[in-house]
Protein backbone atom coordinates (compact mmCIF):
# COMPACT_ATOMS: atom_id res chain seq x y z
CA MET A 1 98.16 129.46 109.79
CA PHE A 2 101.37 128.71 111.72
CA ILE A 3 102.30 131.05 114.61
CA ARG A 4 105.81 130.95 115.98
CA PHE A 5 106.72 132.55 119.33
CA THR A 6 110.39 133.53 119.51
CA ALA A 7 112.35 134.60 122.57
CA ASP A 8 112.05 138.29 121.43
CA SER A 9 108.31 138.03 121.00
CA MET A 10 107.99 136.51 124.46
CA ARG A 11 110.00 139.36 125.95
CA GLY A 12 107.71 141.79 124.08
CA LEU A 13 104.68 140.20 125.61
CA LYS A 14 106.23 140.49 129.03
CA ARG A 15 107.11 144.19 128.51
CA GLY A 16 103.55 144.83 127.35
CA TYR A 17 102.25 143.16 130.41
CA GLN A 18 104.52 145.27 132.65
CA SER A 19 103.42 148.50 130.88
CA ILE A 20 99.81 147.63 131.44
CA GLN A 21 100.64 146.96 135.09
CA ASN A 22 102.13 150.47 135.47
CA ARG A 23 99.12 152.14 133.89
CA GLY A 24 96.92 150.10 136.13
CA HIS A 25 98.29 151.91 139.22
CA GLU A 26 96.51 155.06 138.05
CA GLU A 27 93.14 153.35 138.19
CA THR A 28 91.25 152.09 141.12
CA GLN A 29 92.59 149.11 143.00
CA LYS A 30 89.56 147.08 141.94
CA HIS A 31 90.10 147.68 138.23
CA ASP A 32 93.84 147.14 138.69
CA VAL A 33 93.32 143.70 140.15
CA LYS A 34 90.96 142.74 137.30
CA LYS A 35 93.35 143.94 134.59
CA GLN A 36 96.32 142.26 136.24
CA SER A 37 94.42 138.99 136.37
CA LEU A 38 93.30 139.32 132.73
CA TYR A 39 96.73 140.08 131.28
CA THR A 40 98.44 137.52 133.45
CA SER A 41 96.07 134.93 131.96
CA ILE A 42 96.87 136.13 128.43
CA TRP A 43 100.62 135.95 129.04
CA ILE A 44 100.43 132.46 130.58
CA GLY A 45 98.22 131.26 127.71
CA ALA A 46 100.72 132.54 125.15
CA LEU A 47 103.53 130.79 126.99
CA ILE A 48 101.66 127.48 127.00
CA LEU A 49 100.80 127.81 123.30
CA SER A 50 104.39 128.57 122.30
CA THR A 51 105.67 125.59 124.32
CA ALA A 52 103.20 123.24 122.64
CA LEU A 53 104.06 124.54 119.17
CA ALA A 54 107.77 124.18 119.86
CA ALA A 55 107.30 120.59 120.96
CA SER A 56 105.27 119.88 117.84
CA CYS A 57 108.00 121.34 115.61
CA THR A 58 110.62 119.19 117.35
CA ARG A 59 108.59 116.07 116.74
CA GLY A 60 108.14 117.03 113.07
CA ARG A 61 111.89 117.33 112.59
CA ALA A 62 112.57 113.77 113.85
CA ARG A 63 114.11 111.68 111.10
CA PRO A 64 111.81 109.07 109.57
CA ARG A 65 113.05 105.49 109.81
CA SER A 66 113.99 105.46 106.11
CA GLU A 67 116.54 108.21 106.80
CA ALA A 68 117.99 106.70 109.97
CA ARG A 69 121.72 106.06 110.12
CA ILE A 70 122.66 102.95 108.15
CA LEU A 71 125.05 100.39 109.66
CA GLU A 72 128.16 99.74 107.56
CA VAL A 73 129.87 96.33 107.50
CA ALA A 74 132.54 94.74 105.32
CA ALA A 75 132.70 91.29 103.77
CA ALA A 76 135.28 88.80 105.07
CA VAL A 77 135.22 86.69 101.89
CA GLU A 78 134.22 87.12 98.28
CA THR A 79 133.70 84.23 95.89
CA GLU A 80 135.47 83.77 92.61
CA PRO A 81 133.49 85.51 89.87
CA VAL A 82 130.92 83.74 87.71
CA ASN A 83 132.22 82.76 84.27
CA THR A 84 129.97 85.02 82.20
CA GLY A 85 129.91 88.80 81.98
CA GLY A 86 127.14 91.31 82.50
CA ASP A 87 124.23 90.65 84.83
CA SER A 88 124.89 86.96 85.58
CA ALA A 89 125.09 86.11 89.29
CA ASP A 90 121.77 86.34 91.09
CA ASP A 91 120.97 84.26 94.16
CA ALA A 92 122.62 81.96 96.70
CA THR A 93 121.86 79.37 99.36
CA LEU A 94 124.07 77.53 101.82
CA TRP A 95 124.36 73.91 102.88
CA VAL A 96 125.65 73.50 106.44
CA ASN A 97 127.88 70.42 106.65
CA PRO A 98 126.73 68.72 109.89
CA SER A 99 129.96 66.77 110.35
CA ASP A 100 132.27 69.74 109.71
CA PRO A 101 130.57 73.15 109.44
CA ALA A 102 133.77 74.76 108.11
CA GLN A 103 133.32 72.49 105.06
CA SER A 104 129.88 73.91 104.26
CA LEU A 105 128.95 74.95 100.72
CA VAL A 106 127.72 78.15 99.09
CA ILE A 107 125.53 77.39 96.08
CA GLY A 108 125.02 80.32 93.72
CA THR A 109 123.18 80.90 90.46
CA ASN A 110 124.59 82.04 87.15
CA LYS A 111 121.35 83.00 85.47
CA LYS A 112 122.96 82.74 82.05
CA ARG A 113 124.40 79.24 82.41
CA GLY A 114 123.72 77.25 85.57
CA LEU A 115 124.75 76.68 89.21
CA VAL A 116 128.10 77.35 90.89
CA VAL A 117 129.27 75.67 94.10
CA TYR A 118 131.86 77.36 96.34
CA ASP A 119 133.58 76.51 99.60
CA LEU A 120 133.66 79.03 102.45
CA THR A 121 136.92 80.54 101.15
CA GLY A 122 135.07 81.55 97.99
CA LYS A 123 136.78 78.99 95.77
CA GLU A 124 134.65 77.42 93.02
CA ILE A 125 134.55 73.64 93.39
CA GLN A 126 131.73 72.70 90.98
CA PHE A 127 129.88 74.18 88.03
CA LEU A 128 126.70 72.76 86.51
CA ALA A 129 125.87 74.16 83.07
CA ASP A 130 122.22 73.08 83.32
CA GLY A 131 120.40 76.17 82.10
CA GLU A 132 119.43 79.70 83.11
CA MET A 133 119.13 79.22 86.87
CA ASN A 134 117.69 82.33 88.47
CA ASN A 135 116.99 81.63 92.16
CA VAL A 136 118.13 78.75 94.36
CA ASP A 137 117.14 77.40 97.78
CA SER A 138 117.76 74.31 99.88
CA ARG A 139 116.39 72.19 102.72
CA ASP A 140 118.75 69.65 104.28
CA THR A 141 120.56 68.09 101.29
CA LEU A 142 117.86 68.88 98.70
CA VAL A 143 118.48 71.87 96.41
CA THR A 144 116.00 73.43 93.98
CA ALA A 145 116.32 76.24 91.46
CA SER A 146 114.09 78.06 88.98
CA ASN A 147 115.30 77.15 85.48
CA ARG A 148 114.23 79.90 83.12
CA SER A 149 115.57 78.07 80.06
CA ASN A 150 112.47 75.87 79.99
CA ASN A 151 110.39 77.12 82.96
CA SER A 152 111.04 74.04 85.03
CA ILE A 153 112.13 73.01 88.53
CA ALA A 154 115.79 72.01 88.76
CA ILE A 155 116.28 69.50 91.61
CA TYR A 156 119.57 68.28 93.08
CA ARG A 157 120.80 66.30 96.04
CA ILE A 158 124.07 67.13 97.82
CA ASN A 159 126.37 64.13 98.04
CA THR A 160 127.68 64.59 101.57
CA GLU A 161 130.79 62.50 100.85
CA THR A 162 131.95 64.32 97.71
CA ARG A 163 130.31 67.69 98.51
CA ARG A 164 128.95 67.80 94.96
CA LEU A 165 125.45 68.33 93.58
CA GLU A 166 123.73 65.47 91.75
CA ASN A 167 120.62 65.86 89.60
CA VAL A 168 117.72 63.91 91.15
CA ALA A 169 114.75 65.26 89.19
CA ALA A 170 112.51 62.34 88.21
CA GLU A 171 111.32 64.20 85.13
CA GLU A 172 111.05 67.65 83.60
CA ILE A 173 108.57 69.52 85.82
CA LYS A 174 107.05 72.51 84.05
CA THR A 175 105.83 75.60 85.92
CA ILE A 176 104.51 79.05 85.08
CA GLU A 177 107.00 81.40 83.43
CA ALA A 178 109.65 81.10 86.11
CA TYR A 179 111.48 83.98 87.77
CA GLY A 180 112.39 83.60 91.45
CA SER A 181 111.91 80.63 93.75
CA CYS A 182 112.21 79.39 97.33
CA MET A 183 111.38 76.33 99.42
CA TYR A 184 109.15 75.56 102.40
CA LYS A 185 109.12 72.61 104.80
CA SER A 186 105.85 72.51 106.74
CA ASN A 187 106.22 72.18 110.49
CA LYS A 188 102.59 71.06 110.48
CA THR A 189 102.78 68.15 108.01
CA GLY A 190 106.49 67.63 107.33
CA LYS A 191 105.86 68.04 103.60
CA LEU A 192 108.35 69.87 101.39
CA TYR A 193 107.39 72.50 98.84
CA TYR A 194 108.89 74.45 95.96
CA ILE A 195 107.54 77.97 95.39
CA VAL A 196 108.04 79.84 92.10
CA THR A 197 107.43 83.53 91.40
CA SER A 198 106.86 85.33 88.11
CA LYS A 199 107.05 88.65 86.32
CA GLN A 200 103.28 88.45 85.90
CA GLY A 201 102.77 88.75 89.66
CA VAL A 202 101.63 85.14 90.08
CA VAL A 203 103.15 82.75 92.65
CA GLU A 204 102.74 78.96 92.47
CA GLN A 205 103.42 76.34 95.14
CA TYR A 206 104.40 72.73 94.33
CA GLU A 207 104.54 69.76 96.66
CA LEU A 208 107.79 67.80 96.24
CA PHE A 209 107.75 64.01 96.60
CA ASP A 210 109.95 61.00 95.94
CA THR A 211 108.76 58.69 93.16
CA GLY A 212 111.36 56.00 93.82
CA LYS A 213 113.16 57.08 90.67
CA GLY A 214 113.79 60.65 91.74
CA VAL A 215 111.97 63.74 93.01
CA SER A 216 108.87 65.07 91.27
CA ALA A 217 106.30 67.75 92.10
CA LYS A 218 102.63 68.65 91.76
CA ARG A 219 101.02 72.07 91.90
CA VAL A 220 98.94 72.66 95.01
CA ARG A 221 98.38 76.41 95.14
CA GLN A 222 98.40 79.64 93.17
CA ILE A 223 98.55 83.20 94.59
CA LYS A 224 97.90 86.36 92.59
CA VAL A 225 100.14 88.98 94.19
CA GLY A 226 99.77 91.82 91.70
CA SER A 227 102.80 93.07 89.76
CA GLN A 228 106.28 91.60 89.18
CA VAL A 229 107.54 89.31 91.95
CA GLU A 230 110.96 87.68 92.30
CA GLY A 231 112.26 87.30 95.86
CA CYS A 232 110.52 84.99 98.30
CA VAL A 233 111.33 83.13 101.51
CA ALA A 234 109.36 80.81 103.77
CA ASP A 235 109.54 80.53 107.56
CA ASP A 236 109.37 76.78 108.17
CA ASP A 237 108.75 77.00 111.92
CA LEU A 238 106.14 79.76 111.98
CA GLY A 239 104.47 78.81 108.69
CA TYR A 240 104.72 82.10 106.79
CA LEU A 241 105.59 82.92 103.19
CA TYR A 242 107.09 86.32 102.38
CA VAL A 243 107.14 87.63 98.80
CA GLY A 244 108.71 90.79 97.43
CA GLU A 245 106.54 92.69 94.96
CA GLU A 246 109.40 94.62 93.38
CA ASP A 247 107.82 98.07 92.96
CA VAL A 248 105.50 97.82 95.96
CA GLY A 249 106.91 96.10 99.05
CA ILE A 250 106.89 92.88 101.10
CA TRP A 251 103.77 90.74 101.62
CA LYS A 252 103.23 88.08 104.28
CA TYR A 253 101.03 85.03 103.57
CA SER A 254 100.41 81.71 105.26
CA ALA A 255 102.76 79.17 103.68
CA GLU A 256 100.35 76.25 104.01
CA PRO A 257 98.93 75.21 100.62
CA ASP A 258 95.31 75.07 101.86
CA ALA A 259 95.43 78.53 103.47
CA GLU A 260 93.27 81.47 102.45
CA PRO A 261 95.04 84.07 100.26
CA ALA A 262 94.81 86.71 102.99
CA ARG A 263 97.98 88.77 103.37
CA LYS A 264 99.59 91.46 105.50
CA GLU A 265 101.95 94.21 104.42
CA VAL A 266 105.35 94.03 106.14
CA ASP A 267 106.88 97.12 104.52
CA ARG A 268 106.63 99.14 101.35
CA ALA A 269 108.93 100.87 98.94
CA ARG A 270 109.31 104.61 99.37
CA PRO A 271 107.53 106.88 99.78
CA GLY A 272 106.19 105.59 103.05
CA GLY A 273 108.53 102.69 103.75
CA SER A 274 112.09 101.60 104.48
CA LEU A 275 112.74 100.09 101.04
CA VAL A 276 113.81 101.60 97.73
CA ALA A 277 112.58 99.69 94.68
CA ASP A 278 113.34 97.17 93.47
CA VAL A 279 112.50 94.97 96.44
CA GLU A 280 114.66 91.93 95.69
CA GLY A 281 116.00 89.00 97.75
CA LEU A 282 114.49 87.89 101.06
CA THR A 283 115.97 85.62 103.72
CA ILE A 284 115.35 84.59 107.35
CA ALA A 285 117.81 84.43 110.24
CA TYR A 286 116.41 81.84 112.65
CA GLY A 287 116.70 82.51 116.37
CA SER A 288 115.38 80.64 119.39
CA ASP A 289 111.76 80.69 120.61
CA GLY A 290 110.40 81.90 117.28
CA LYS A 291 112.63 84.95 117.27
CA GLY A 292 115.10 86.05 114.64
CA TYR A 293 115.03 88.35 111.64
CA LEU A 294 113.58 88.80 108.18
CA ILE A 295 116.01 90.54 105.82
CA ALA A 296 115.27 92.19 102.47
CA SER A 297 117.48 93.53 99.69
CA SER A 298 116.59 97.16 99.02
CA GLN A 299 118.17 97.28 95.59
CA GLY A 300 117.39 100.91 94.80
CA ASN A 301 119.79 102.22 97.46
CA SER A 302 122.04 99.15 97.82
CA THR A 303 121.06 98.48 101.44
CA PHE A 304 119.46 95.64 103.39
CA ALA A 305 116.47 96.12 105.69
CA ILE A 306 116.09 94.02 108.85
CA TYR A 307 112.74 93.20 110.51
CA ARG A 308 111.74 91.16 113.53
CA ARG A 309 110.80 87.63 112.55
CA GLU A 310 108.13 87.43 115.23
CA GLY A 311 104.89 89.37 115.63
CA ASP A 312 104.17 92.07 113.08
CA ASN A 313 107.73 92.06 111.66
CA THR A 314 108.74 95.40 113.20
CA TYR A 315 111.47 97.23 111.28
CA VAL A 316 114.80 97.14 113.17
CA LYS A 317 117.48 98.82 111.04
CA SER A 318 119.22 98.85 107.67
CA PHE A 319 122.81 98.10 106.72
CA ARG A 320 125.08 98.23 103.69
CA ILE A 321 128.22 96.30 102.75
CA VAL A 322 131.18 98.64 102.23
CA ALA A 323 134.70 98.02 100.95
CA GLY A 324 137.09 96.37 103.39
CA ASN A 325 140.40 94.54 103.46
CA ALA A 326 139.00 91.38 101.86
CA ALA A 327 136.53 92.67 99.28
CA ASP A 328 135.00 95.69 97.58
CA ASN A 329 131.59 97.16 98.41
CA VAL A 330 128.27 95.60 97.37
CA THR A 331 125.75 97.34 95.14
CA GLU A 332 122.41 96.58 93.50
CA THR A 333 121.98 93.19 95.16
CA ASP A 334 119.52 90.62 93.83
CA GLY A 335 119.55 87.49 95.99
CA ILE A 336 120.60 87.08 99.63
CA HIS A 337 120.89 84.26 102.15
CA VAL A 338 121.72 83.97 105.86
CA THR A 339 122.41 81.27 108.40
CA THR A 340 122.99 81.64 112.13
CA ALA A 341 124.81 78.29 112.38
CA ASN A 342 128.40 78.18 113.64
CA LEU A 343 130.53 77.70 110.51
CA GLY A 344 133.90 77.71 112.21
CA PRO A 345 136.40 80.41 113.26
CA GLN A 346 135.67 82.84 110.43
CA PHE A 347 131.88 82.71 110.82
CA PRO A 348 131.25 81.61 114.43
CA GLN A 349 127.73 83.08 114.58
CA GLY A 350 126.78 82.45 110.97
CA VAL A 351 127.13 84.27 107.67
CA PHE A 352 125.16 86.66 105.47
CA ILE A 353 125.61 86.14 101.72
CA ALA A 354 124.83 88.80 99.11
CA GLN A 355 125.07 88.86 95.34
CA ASP A 356 127.15 91.83 94.19
CA GLY A 357 125.77 93.61 91.14
CA ALA A 358 129.08 95.26 90.21
CA ASP A 359 132.30 93.64 91.44
CA ASP A 360 135.47 95.73 91.13
CA LYS A 361 137.17 92.95 89.11
CA GLY A 362 134.52 93.00 86.40
CA LYS A 363 132.36 89.89 86.55
CA GLN A 364 129.80 89.50 89.32
CA ASN A 365 130.25 87.38 92.45
CA PHE A 366 128.97 86.84 96.00
CA LYS A 367 130.12 88.43 99.25
CA LEU A 368 130.19 86.73 102.67
CA VAL A 369 129.77 88.84 105.83
CA PRO A 370 130.13 87.48 109.40
CA TRP A 371 126.65 87.63 110.90
CA GLN A 372 127.90 89.02 114.21
CA LEU A 373 128.93 92.24 112.42
CA ILE A 374 125.31 92.81 111.48
CA VAL A 375 123.44 91.57 114.56
CA SER A 376 125.19 90.79 117.84
CA GLU A 377 122.90 89.19 120.41
């Protein structure tokens, strides 16, 4: 039973106490002192109880983190649309040009036809009609993608002179029924890995290696997550693999292929978490000394959740991309990518890239947001 003490009820208690005091004058001084002490104790006890209950009610009305105010930012650039209609664009990665960061490349997937390469103004400069590419990732100049046309690993090398992708797969490398994918470069061994996710809730890890005639791969690990998984990202420095179980939440594993399958929950879809299913793209913003951020696409409410990269991945805040002078708002995002590298005057602290599920011009595209609008440190 819940008892609430209002200001009127407190005044009533006080009046009752004063009435009892007056009647007490008609009794002996001994009894009067006893009664005064008794009722004073009752009144003080009621006051303490009401204060405690009020404090409890205040705490209960505090907004949960999932309802906290959401930061709103606008994109500075949007890419040209993909060349097919409907649900076509999906994921993106970015190659930072070491000789001229302003000449870096955005590499996006058209999951109906292939890969699209853009410059930082959003202009398309290359299209590879190589199959149904779903997710894409990169390490240095090596680019991989999950090809759902034949459940294989698509492998490319960026020609740094021409800024074009060149196919360097040594052979057709079959995987499980492919869905999402990401890459991992081990800080422990220096080895490079391709990781593929599936609608069956299974994740596989492949070691990439040069055969002399191109890049091939061999399977070194399998993880049974549970239900449908697409988004994944690996933290090369700290050695973690994060996977998004779409209807459940984010899981954290060791990224080393010989690790035990033990996992920790980072966050879950509501109720009880900061995400609204589907849990989609994941990406990492690298900071110094092992710090930085893990970011997730909360597709169900078109927001992005930010967590600390270090420790237990504490939730920080959420943001959404709204309409601005350069581009429309972003909704129902699949893949995301971020870099904290200086990419020139427009993106001096890096850029956050998001697939837009419904562009105002019709066909889907990607939006580029200056990182300093999201996190300024």
